[in-house]
Amino acid sequence: MRIREDNRNMVLLTTVTLCCAVVAGALAMLEPALAVFGEAPEEQVADSRPIDSSTRGSIQASVRVVGGAPFVPNVNPRQR
């Protein structure tokens, strides 16, 4: 049985997709088992404390000069 030249790319794509799906499925099935043998990673939780901006407020950000005029990045795209 020979694959016609017109269909070879599709057969190759299907083969690679199936192989990747098998590997991903096997890893998904083994993931809970791997957590049993090793220590489970701790949950990462965002820090709820407010950021102290007083220490950064006294430091002025450097400004790049382009063609004699100071360059200020546009942080609000709707404003020109």
PDB file of N, CA and C in Angstrom:
ATOM      1  N   MET A   1       0.839  -1.169   0.000  1.00  0.00           N
ATOM      2  CA  MET A   1       0.000   0.000   0.000  1.00  0.00           C
ATOM      3  C   MET A   1       0.889   1.240   0.000  1.00  0.00           C
ATOM      4  N   ARG A   2       0.777   2.024  -1.023  1.00  0.00           N
ATOM      5  CA  ARG A   2       1.550   3.256  -1.121  1.00  0.00           C
ATOM      6  C   ARG A   2       0.629   4.447  -0.946  1.00  0.00           C
ATOM      7  N   ILE A   3       1.167   5.464  -0.300  1.00  0.00           N
ATOM      8  CA  ILE A   3       0.408   6.697  -0.108  1.00  0.00           C
ATOM      9  C   ILE A   3       0.696   7.601  -1.293  1.00  0.00           C
ATOM     10  N   ARG A   4      -0.366   8.127  -1.888  1.00  0.00           N
ATOM     11  CA  ARG A   4      -0.174   9.017  -3.024  1.00  0.00           C
ATOM     12  C   ARG A   4       0.561  10.270  -2.585  1.00  0.00           C
ATOM     13  N   GLU A   5       1.292  10.857  -3.502  1.00  0.00           N
ATOM     14  CA  GLU A   5       2.094  12.029  -3.191  1.00  0.00           C
ATOM     15  C   GLU A   5       1.236  13.204  -2.738  1.00  0.00           C
ATOM     16  N   ASP A   6       0.003  13.288  -3.233  1.00  0.00           N
ATOM     17  CA  ASP A   6      -0.891  14.377  -2.842  1.00  0.00           C
ATOM     18  C   ASP A   6      -1.275  14.304  -1.372  1.00  0.00           C
ATOM     19  N   ASN A   7      -1.284  13.109  -0.797  1.00  0.00           N
ATOM     20  CA  ASN A   7      -1.768  12.918   0.569  1.00  0.00           C
ATOM     21  C   ASN A   7      -0.646  12.771   1.594  1.00  0.00           C
ATOM     22  N   ARG A   8       0.596  12.810   1.179  1.00  0.00           N
ATOM     23  CA  ARG A   8       1.696  12.567   2.114  1.00  0.00           C
ATOM     24  C   ARG A   8       1.795  13.618   3.208  1.00  0.00           C
ATOM     25  N   ASN A   9       1.586  14.874   2.870  1.00  0.00           N
ATOM     26  CA  ASN A   9       1.670  15.919   3.888  1.00  0.00           C
ATOM     27  C   ASN A   9       0.575  15.757   4.933  1.00  0.00           C
ATOM     28  N   MET A  10      -0.618  15.403   4.505  1.00  0.00           N
ATOM     29  CA  MET A  10      -1.725  15.221   5.444  1.00  0.00           C
ATOM     30  C   MET A  10      -1.487  14.012   6.340  1.00  0.00           C
ATOM     31  N   VAL A  11      -0.923  12.951   5.784  1.00  0.00           N
ATOM     32  CA  VAL A  11      -0.616  11.760   6.588  1.00  0.00           C
ATOM     33  C   VAL A  11       0.476  12.086   7.605  1.00  0.00           C
ATOM     34  N   LEU A  12       1.468  12.836   7.194  1.00  0.00           N
ATOM     35  CA  LEU A  12       2.534  13.232   8.117  1.00  0.00           C
ATOM     36  C   LEU A  12       1.990  14.110   9.232  1.00  0.00           C
ATOM     37  N   LEU A  13       1.139  15.066   8.901  1.00  0.00           N
ATOM     38  CA  LEU A  13       0.533  15.937   9.910  1.00  0.00           C
ATOM     39  C   LEU A  13      -0.314  15.134  10.884  1.00  0.00           C
ATOM     40  N   THR A  14      -1.089  14.197  10.379  1.00  0.00           N
ATOM     41  CA  THR A  14      -1.929  13.360  11.243  1.00  0.00           C
ATOM     42  C   THR A  14      -1.070  12.494  12.157  1.00  0.00           C
ATOM     43  N   THR A  15       0.001  11.947  11.639  1.00  0.00           N
ATOM     44  CA  THR A  15       0.883  11.098  12.437  1.00  0.00           C
ATOM     45  C   THR A  15       1.543  11.886  13.568  1.00  0.00           C
ATOM     46  N   VAL A  16       2.041  13.052  13.252  1.00  0.00           N
ATOM     47  CA  VAL A  16       2.692  13.879  14.276  1.00  0.00           C
ATOM     48  C   VAL A  16       1.678  14.314  15.321  1.00  0.00           C
ATOM     49  N   THR A  17       0.462  14.686  14.890  1.00  0.00           N
ATOM     50  CA  THR A  17      -0.572  15.102  15.832  1.00  0.00           C
ATOM     51  C   THR A  17      -0.952  13.968  16.771  1.00  0.00           C
ATOM     52  N   LEU A  18      -1.115  12.771  16.239  1.00  0.00           N
ATOM     53  CA  LEU A  18      -1.464  11.629  17.084  1.00  0.00           C
ATOM     54  C   LEU A  18      -0.341  11.287  18.065  1.00  0.00           C
ATOM     55  N   CYS A  19       0.900  11.356  17.609  1.00  0.00           N
ATOM     56  CA  CYS A  19       2.031  11.076  18.511  1.00  0.00           C
ATOM     57  C   CYS A  19       2.093  12.089  19.649  1.00  0.00           C
ATOM     58  N   CYS A  20       1.901  13.355  19.318  1.00  0.00           N
ATOM     59  CA  CYS A  20       1.916  14.395  20.356  1.00  0.00           C
ATOM     60  C   CYS A  20       0.755  14.219  21.328  1.00  0.00           C
ATOM     61  N   ALA A  21      -0.404  13.824  20.818  1.00  0.00           N
ATOM     62  CA  ALA A  21      -1.557  13.597  21.685  1.00  0.00           C
ATOM     63  C   ALA A  21      -1.321  12.422  22.624  1.00  0.00           C
ATOM     64  N   VAL A  22      -0.683  11.373  22.126  1.00  0.00           N
ATOM     65  CA  VAL A  22      -0.382  10.209  22.969  1.00  0.00           C
ATOM     66  C   VAL A  22       0.607  10.593  24.071  1.00  0.00           C
ATOM     67  N   VAL A  23       1.630  11.344  23.730  1.00  0.00           N
ATOM     68  CA  VAL A  23       2.619  11.763  24.733  1.00  0.00           C
ATOM     69  C   VAL A  23       1.963  12.672  25.777  1.00  0.00           C
ATOM     70  N   ALA A  24       1.142  13.638  25.334  1.00  0.00           N
ATOM     71  CA  ALA A  24       0.475  14.540  26.263  1.00  0.00           C
ATOM     72  C   ALA A  24      -0.497  13.779  27.163  1.00  0.00           C
ATOM     73  N   GLY A  25      -1.216  12.811  26.600  1.00  0.00           N
ATOM     74  CA  GLY A  25      -2.138  12.013  27.405  1.00  0.00           C
ATOM     75  C   GLY A  25      -1.421  11.159  28.431  1.00  0.00           C
ATOM     76  N   ALA A  26      -0.304  10.576  28.037  1.00  0.00           N
ATOM     77  CA  ALA A  26       0.464   9.757  28.977  1.00  0.00           C
ATOM     78  C   ALA A  26       1.022  10.607  30.117  1.00  0.00           C
ATOM     79  N   LEU A  27       1.502  11.791  29.797  1.00  0.00           N
ATOM     80  CA  LEU A  27       2.018  12.670  30.854  1.00  0.00           C
ATOM     81  C   LEU A  27       0.898  13.160  31.763  1.00  0.00           C
ATOM     82  N   ALA A  28      -0.274  13.410  31.202  1.00  0.00           N
ATOM     83  CA  ALA A  28      -1.404  13.844  32.025  1.00  0.00           C
ATOM     84  C   ALA A  28      -1.851  12.732  32.970  1.00  0.00           C
ATOM     85  N   MET A  29      -1.765  11.495  32.509  1.00  0.00           N
ATOM     86  CA  MET A  29      -2.150  10.378  33.376  1.00  0.00           C
ATOM     87  C   MET A  29      -1.101  10.123  34.445  1.00  0.00           C
ATOM     88  N   LEU A  30       0.168  10.375  34.156  1.00  0.00           N
ATOM     89  CA  LEU A  30       1.239  10.131  35.118  1.00  0.00           C
ATOM     90  C   LEU A  30       1.436  11.272  36.099  1.00  0.00           C
ATOM     91  N   GLU A  31       0.905  12.444  35.800  1.00  0.00           N
ATOM     92  CA  GLU A  31       1.141  13.606  36.658  1.00  0.00           C
ATOM     93  C   GLU A  31       0.665  13.391  38.094  1.00  0.00           C
ATOM     94  N   PRO A  32      -0.552  12.879  38.343  1.00  0.00           N
ATOM     95  CA  PRO A  32      -0.952  12.647  39.736  1.00  0.00           C
ATOM     96  C   PRO A  32      -0.066  11.613  40.430  1.00  0.00           C
ATOM     97  N   ALA A  33       0.411  10.615  39.701  1.00  0.00           N
ATOM     98  CA  ALA A  33       1.273   9.599  40.305  1.00  0.00           C
ATOM     99  C   ALA A  33       2.626  10.186  40.669  1.00  0.00           C
ATOM    100  N   LEU A  34       3.126  11.103  39.860  1.00  0.00           N
ATOM    101  CA  LEU A  34       4.413  11.719  40.167  1.00  0.00           C
ATOM    102  C   LEU A  34       4.319  12.599  41.404  1.00  0.00           C
ATOM    103  N   ALA A  35       3.161  13.195  41.659  1.00  0.00           N
ATOM    104  CA  ALA A  35       2.990  14.036  42.835  1.00  0.00           C
ATOM    105  C   ALA A  35       2.985  13.199  44.108  1.00  0.00           C
ATOM    106  N   VAL A  36       2.606  11.921  44.017  1.00  0.00           N
ATOM    107  CA  VAL A  36       2.576  11.053  45.186  1.00  0.00           C
ATOM    108  C   VAL A  36       3.998  10.729  45.641  1.00  0.00           C
ATOM    109  N   PHE A  37       4.884  10.465  44.682  1.00  0.00           N
ATOM    110  CA  PHE A  37       6.242  10.083  45.027  1.00  0.00           C
ATOM    111  C   PHE A  37       7.063  11.266  45.520  1.00  0.00           C
ATOM    112  N   GLY A  38       6.887  12.404  44.884  1.00  0.00           N
ATOM    113  CA  GLY A  38       7.624  13.591  45.297  1.00  0.00           C
ATOM    114  C   GLY A  38       6.706  14.501  46.089  1.00  0.00           C
ATOM    115  N   GLU A  39       7.264  15.574  46.570  1.00  0.00           N
ATOM    116  CA  GLU A  39       6.442  16.526  47.312  1.00  0.00           C
ATOM    117  C   GLU A  39       5.618  17.349  46.334  1.00  0.00           C
ATOM    118  N   ALA A  40       4.386  17.566  46.676  1.00  0.00           N
ATOM    119  CA  ALA A  40       3.513  18.372  45.833  1.00  0.00           C
ATOM    120  C   ALA A  40       3.947  19.836  45.935  1.00  0.00           C
ATOM    121  N   PRO A  41       3.950  20.553  44.829  1.00  0.00           N
ATOM    122  CA  PRO A  41       4.339  21.953  44.887  1.00  0.00           C
ATOM    123  C   PRO A  41       3.315  22.771  45.666  1.00  0.00           C
ATOM    124  N   GLU A  42       3.822  23.739  46.413  1.00  0.00           N
ATOM    125  CA  GLU A  42       2.926  24.592  47.190  1.00  0.00           C
ATOM    126  C   GLU A  42       2.200  25.549  46.271  1.00  0.00           C
ATOM    127  N   GLU A  43       0.999  25.923  46.675  1.00  0.00           N
ATOM    128  CA  GLU A  43       0.226  26.869  45.881  1.00  0.00           C
ATOM    129  C   GLU A  43       0.835  28.246  45.994  1.00  0.00           C
ATOM    130  N   GLN A  44       0.945  28.918  44.872  1.00  0.00           N
ATOM    131  CA  GLN A  44       1.467  30.276  44.888  1.00  0.00           C
ATOM    132  C   GLN A  44       0.300  31.235  45.048  1.00  0.00           C
ATOM    133  N   VAL A  45       0.424  32.116  46.006  1.00  0.00           N
ATOM    134  CA  VAL A  45      -0.634  33.083  46.285  1.00  0.00           C
ATOM    135  C   VAL A  45      -0.038  34.471  46.142  1.00  0.00           C
ATOM    136  N   ALA A  46      -0.784  35.363  45.503  1.00  0.00           N
ATOM    137  CA  ALA A  46      -0.295  36.723  45.318  1.00  0.00           C
ATOM    138  C   ALA A  46      -0.215  37.437  46.660  1.00  0.00           C
ATOM    139  N   ASP A  47       0.749  38.321  46.778  1.00  0.00           N
ATOM    140  CA  ASP A  47       0.915  39.102  47.997  1.00  0.00           C
ATOM    141  C   ASP A  47      -0.177  40.150  48.064  1.00  0.00           C
ATOM    142  N   SER A  48      -0.891  40.208  49.187  1.00  0.00           N
ATOM    143  CA  SER A  48      -2.019  41.136  49.306  1.00  0.00           C
ATOM    144  C   SER A  48      -1.622  42.472  49.932  1.00  0.00           C
ATOM    145  N   ARG A  49      -0.358  42.623  50.276  1.00  0.00           N
ATOM    146  CA  ARG A  49       0.075  43.888  50.871  1.00  0.00           C
ATOM    147  C   ARG A  49       0.169  44.966  49.803  1.00  0.00           C
ATOM    148  N   PRO A  50      -0.161  46.220  50.177  1.00  0.00           N
ATOM    149  CA  PRO A  50      -0.037  47.307  49.188  1.00  0.00           C
ATOM    150  C   PRO A  50       1.430  47.624  48.910  1.00  0.00           C
ATOM    151  N   ILE A  51       1.684  48.144  47.736  1.00  0.00           N
ATOM    152  CA  ILE A  51       3.040  48.491  47.336  1.00  0.00           C
ATOM    153  C   ILE A  51       3.374  49.871  47.899  1.00  0.00           C
ATOM    154  N   ASP A  52       4.534  49.969  48.516  1.00  0.00           N
ATOM    155  CA  ASP A  52       4.969  51.248  49.071  1.00  0.00           C
ATOM    156  C   ASP A  52       5.631  52.053  47.955  1.00  0.00           C
ATOM    157  N   SER A  53       4.911  53.023  47.428  1.00  0.00           N
ATOM    158  CA  SER A  53       5.424  53.801  46.310  1.00  0.00           C
ATOM    159  C   SER A  53       6.211  55.023  46.765  1.00  0.00           C
ATOM    160  N   SER A  54       6.279  55.260  48.065  1.00  0.00           N
ATOM    161  CA  SER A  54       7.001  56.450  48.532  1.00  0.00           C
ATOM    162  C   SER A  54       8.501  56.324  48.287  1.00  0.00           C
ATOM    163  N   THR A  55       9.029  55.117  48.291  1.00  0.00           N
ATOM    164  CA  THR A  55      10.462  54.954  48.062  1.00  0.00           C
ATOM    165  C   THR A  55      10.797  55.144  46.589  1.00  0.00           C
ATOM    166  N   ARG A  56       9.877  54.843  45.691  1.00  0.00           N
ATOM    167  CA  ARG A  56      10.146  54.982  44.273  1.00  0.00           C
ATOM    168  C   ARG A  56       9.765  56.370  43.773  1.00  0.00           C
ATOM    169  N   GLY A  57       8.939  57.092  44.521  1.00  0.00           N
ATOM    170  CA  GLY A  57       8.453  58.385  44.064  1.00  0.00           C
ATOM    171  C   GLY A  57       9.535  59.443  43.987  1.00  0.00           C
ATOM    172  N   SER A  58      10.554  59.335  44.832  1.00  0.00           N
ATOM    173  CA  SER A  58      11.602  60.346  44.837  1.00  0.00           C
ATOM    174  C   SER A  58      12.590  60.141  43.695  1.00  0.00           C
ATOM    175  N   ILE A  59      12.635  58.952  43.141  1.00  0.00           N
ATOM    176  CA  ILE A  59      13.551  58.663  42.049  1.00  0.00           C
ATOM    177  C   ILE A  59      12.834  58.984  40.737  1.00  0.00           C
ATOM    178  N   GLN A  60      13.396  59.874  39.961  1.00  0.00           N
ATOM    179  CA  GLN A  60      12.777  60.237  38.698  1.00  0.00           C
ATOM    180  C   GLN A  60      13.265  59.288  37.605  1.00  0.00           C
ATOM    181  N   ALA A  61      12.314  58.870  36.782  1.00  0.00           N
ATOM    182  CA  ALA A  61      12.659  57.964  35.699  1.00  0.00           C
ATOM    183  C   ALA A  61      13.491  58.688  34.657  1.00  0.00           C
ATOM    184  N   SER A  62      14.453  57.975  34.075  1.00  0.00           N
ATOM    185  CA  SER A  62      15.286  58.584  33.058  1.00  0.00           C
ATOM    186  C   SER A  62      14.477  58.772  31.782  1.00  0.00           C
ATOM    187  N   VAL A  63      14.756  59.842  31.054  1.00  0.00           N
ATOM    188  CA  VAL A  63      14.037  60.166  29.831  1.00  0.00           C
ATOM    189  C   VAL A  63      15.021  60.120  28.688  1.00  0.00           C
ATOM    190  N   ARG A  64      14.638  59.447  27.624  1.00  0.00           N
ATOM    191  CA  ARG A  64      15.487  59.347  26.450  1.00  0.00           C
ATOM    192  C   ARG A  64      15.229  60.558  25.563  1.00  0.00           C
ATOM    193  N   VAL A  65      16.282  61.153  25.032  1.00  0.00           N
ATOM    194  CA  VAL A  65      16.143  62.330  24.180  1.00  0.00           C
ATOM    195  C   VAL A  65      16.299  61.899  22.733  1.00  0.00           C
ATOM    196  N   VAL A  66      15.280  62.199  21.899  1.00  0.00           N
ATOM    197  CA  VAL A  66      15.290  61.852  20.497  1.00  0.00           C
ATOM    198  C   VAL A  66      15.123  63.135  19.702  1.00  0.00           C
ATOM    199  N   GLY A  67      16.142  63.532  18.965  1.00  0.00           N
ATOM    200  CA  GLY A  67      16.048  64.700  18.103  1.00  0.00           C
ATOM    201  C   GLY A  67      15.847  66.006  18.856  1.00  0.00           C
ATOM    202  N   GLY A  68      16.324  66.127  20.063  1.00  0.00           N
ATOM    203  CA  GLY A  68      16.228  67.373  20.803  1.00  0.00           C
ATOM    204  C   GLY A  68      15.011  67.451  21.707  1.00  0.00           C
ATOM    205  N   ALA A  69      13.974  66.704  21.445  1.00  0.00           N
ATOM    206  CA  ALA A  69      12.785  66.724  22.294  1.00  0.00           C
ATOM    207  C   ALA A  69      12.804  65.496  23.203  1.00  0.00           C
ATOM    208  N   PRO A  70      12.387  65.646  24.454  1.00  0.00           N
ATOM    209  CA  PRO A  70      12.387  64.481  25.342  1.00  0.00           C
ATOM    210  C   PRO A  70      11.337  63.467  24.885  1.00  0.00           C
ATOM    211  N   PHE A  71      11.721  62.210  24.944  1.00  0.00           N
ATOM    212  CA  PHE A  71      10.821  61.131  24.555  1.00  0.00           C
ATOM    213  C   PHE A  71      10.088  60.637  25.787  1.00  0.00           C
ATOM    214  N   VAL A  72       8.764  60.705  25.748  1.00  0.00           N
ATOM    215  CA  VAL A  72       7.938  60.204  26.838  1.00  0.00           C
ATOM    216  C   VAL A  72       7.051  59.113  26.247  1.00  0.00           C
ATOM    217  N   PRO A  73       7.134  57.901  26.743  1.00  0.00           N
ATOM    218  CA  PRO A  73       6.330  56.827  26.169  1.00  0.00           C
ATOM    219  C   PRO A  73       4.840  57.095  26.369  1.00  0.00           C
ATOM    220  N   ASN A  74       4.047  56.722  25.364  1.00  0.00           N
ATOM    221  CA  ASN A  74       2.604  56.905  25.425  1.00  0.00           C
ATOM    222  C   ASN A  74       2.009  55.738  26.189  1.00  0.00           C
ATOM    223  N   VAL A  75       1.582  55.982  27.422  1.00  0.00           N
ATOM    224  CA  VAL A  75       1.009  54.922  28.237  1.00  0.00           C
ATOM    225  C   VAL A  75      -0.499  54.821  28.039  1.00  0.00           C
ATOM    226  N   ASN A  76      -1.102  55.815  27.399  1.00  0.00           N
ATOM    227  CA  ASN A  76      -2.522  55.780  27.093  1.00  0.00           C
ATOM    228  C   ASN A  76      -2.672  55.821  25.581  1.00  0.00           C
ATOM    229  N   PRO A  77      -2.907  54.691  24.915  1.00  0.00           N
ATOM    230  CA  PRO A  77      -2.933  54.652  23.460  1.00  0.00           C
ATOM    231  C   PRO A  77      -4.039  55.507  22.842  1.00  0.00           C
ATOM    232  N   ARG A  78      -5.132  55.780  23.555  1.00  0.00           N
ATOM    233  CA  ARG A  78      -6.216  56.581  22.991  1.00  0.00           C
ATOM    234  C   ARG A  78      -5.876  58.057  22.964  1.00  0.00           C
ATOM    235  N   GLN A  79      -4.918  58.445  23.764  1.00  0.00           N
ATOM    236  CA  GLN A  79      -4.541  59.866  23.818  1.00  0.00           C
ATOM    237  C   GLN A  79      -3.311  60.074  22.935  1.00  0.00           C
ATOM    238  N   ARG A  80      -3.390  61.054  22.051  1.00  0.00           N
ATOM    239  CA  ARG A  80      -2.251  61.334  21.177  1.00  0.00           C
ATOM    240  C   ARG A  80      -1.761  62.733  21.386  1.00  0.00           C
TER     241      ARG A  80
END
